Every structure is written in structure tokens, then in C-alpha cells.
């Protein structure tokens, strides 16, 4: 019967990934759902761009700059 077939839609894996990402970003996992679409789009773009930086020295420069900007209200 159809009810006997386990459905694996990947939600559990997706939720685990969001929890890990939220932990790394030091935000609540619900922030992904509570954030305005513009904020979420910018976060997605930032992560996409970050993945494009392959040189570790360049990544260190970006991290330093972001930390400096983030530490000033």
C-alpha cells in the first residue's frame, strides 16, 4: 500500500543543514524564515560570493573587513 512506503523528501537533512548554518552564523534557525525576503536574498548572495573566493588569503581579507564593519554599529 501507498501508506507503507516511507517518504524521504529530504526535509530532515535540509533542517539539519539550516541548523548548522544558523549555528555558524550565530543566529537562530528561525531567522531563515523570519527574515524579510531582501535580507534573505542578500544573505544568500553573500554566501554564494563567499564560495567563489578560493584563495585563503583573500578569504582572510574579506573576513577581516567584515568583522571590522560588523563591530561598528
Protein backbone atom coordinates (compact mmCIF):
# COMPACT_ATOMS: atom_id res chain seq x y z
CA UNK A 1 0.00 0.00 0.00
CA UNK A 2 1.00 3.59 -0.53
CA UNK A 3 0.84 4.34 3.19
CA UNK A 4 3.51 1.71 3.82
CA UNK A 5 6.09 3.40 1.59
CA UNK A 6 8.49 5.65 3.53
CA UNK A 7 8.60 9.13 2.09
CA UNK A 8 12.04 10.73 2.14
CA UNK A 9 11.55 14.26 0.95
CA UNK A 10 14.88 15.43 2.38
CA UNK A 11 13.29 17.75 4.94
CA UNK A 12 15.20 16.25 7.84
CA UNK A 13 18.51 16.77 6.03
CA UNK A 14 17.52 20.29 4.99
CA UNK A 15 16.57 21.17 8.56
CA UNK A 16 19.87 19.83 9.86
CA UNK A 17 21.73 21.91 7.28
CA UNK A 18 19.83 25.05 8.27
CA UNK A 19 20.57 24.40 11.95
CA UNK A 20 24.30 24.01 11.21
CA UNK A 21 24.34 27.13 9.07
CA UNK A 22 22.50 29.12 11.74
CA UNK A 23 24.99 27.91 14.34
CA UNK A 24 27.94 29.02 12.21
CA UNK A 25 26.29 32.39 11.57
CA UNK A 26 25.42 32.69 15.28
CA UNK A 27 21.74 33.25 14.58
CA UNK A 28 18.55 31.42 15.47
CA UNK A 29 17.49 28.84 12.87
CA UNK A 30 14.13 30.60 12.68
CA UNK A 31 15.91 33.67 11.28
CA UNK A 32 15.84 31.99 7.87
CA UNK A 33 12.07 32.08 7.99
CA UNK A 34 11.58 35.34 9.90
CA UNK A 35 13.92 37.45 7.78
CA UNK A 36 12.48 39.74 5.15
CA UNK A 37 12.97 38.44 1.62
CA UNK A 38 15.51 41.19 0.84
CA UNK A 39 17.65 40.23 3.85
CA UNK A 40 17.47 36.56 2.94
CA UNK A 41 18.40 37.33 -0.66
CA UNK A 42 21.40 39.35 0.46
CA UNK A 43 22.49 36.59 2.82
CA UNK A 44 22.20 34.05 0.03
CA UNK A 45 24.21 36.29 -2.29
CA UNK A 46 26.89 36.80 0.35
CA UNK A 47 27.25 33.05 0.88
CA UNK A 48 27.35 32.45 -2.88
CA UNK A 49 30.09 35.04 -3.30
CA UNK A 50 32.00 33.61 -0.34
CA UNK A 51 32.01 30.20 -2.01
CA UNK A 52 33.59 31.83 -5.05
CA UNK A 53 36.60 33.02 -3.05
CA UNK A 54 39.04 30.14 -3.27
CA UNK A 55 42.25 31.78 -2.12
CA UNK A 56 42.64 31.52 1.67
CA UNK A 57 44.43 34.87 1.85
CA UNK A 58 41.57 36.57 0.05
CA UNK A 59 39.08 34.91 2.41
CA UNK A 60 41.08 36.19 5.37
CA UNK A 61 40.98 39.73 3.95
CA UNK A 62 37.22 39.55 3.47
CA UNK A 63 36.68 38.16 6.97
CA UNK A 64 38.80 40.91 8.49
CA UNK A 65 36.89 43.59 6.63
CA UNK A 66 33.50 42.13 7.55
CA UNK A 67 34.48 41.79 11.21
CA UNK A 68 35.60 45.42 11.25
CA UNK A 69 32.37 46.62 9.67
CA UNK A 70 30.20 44.40 11.88
CA UNK A 71 31.87 45.61 15.08
CA UNK A 72 30.87 49.22 14.40
CA UNK A 73 27.17 49.92 14.99
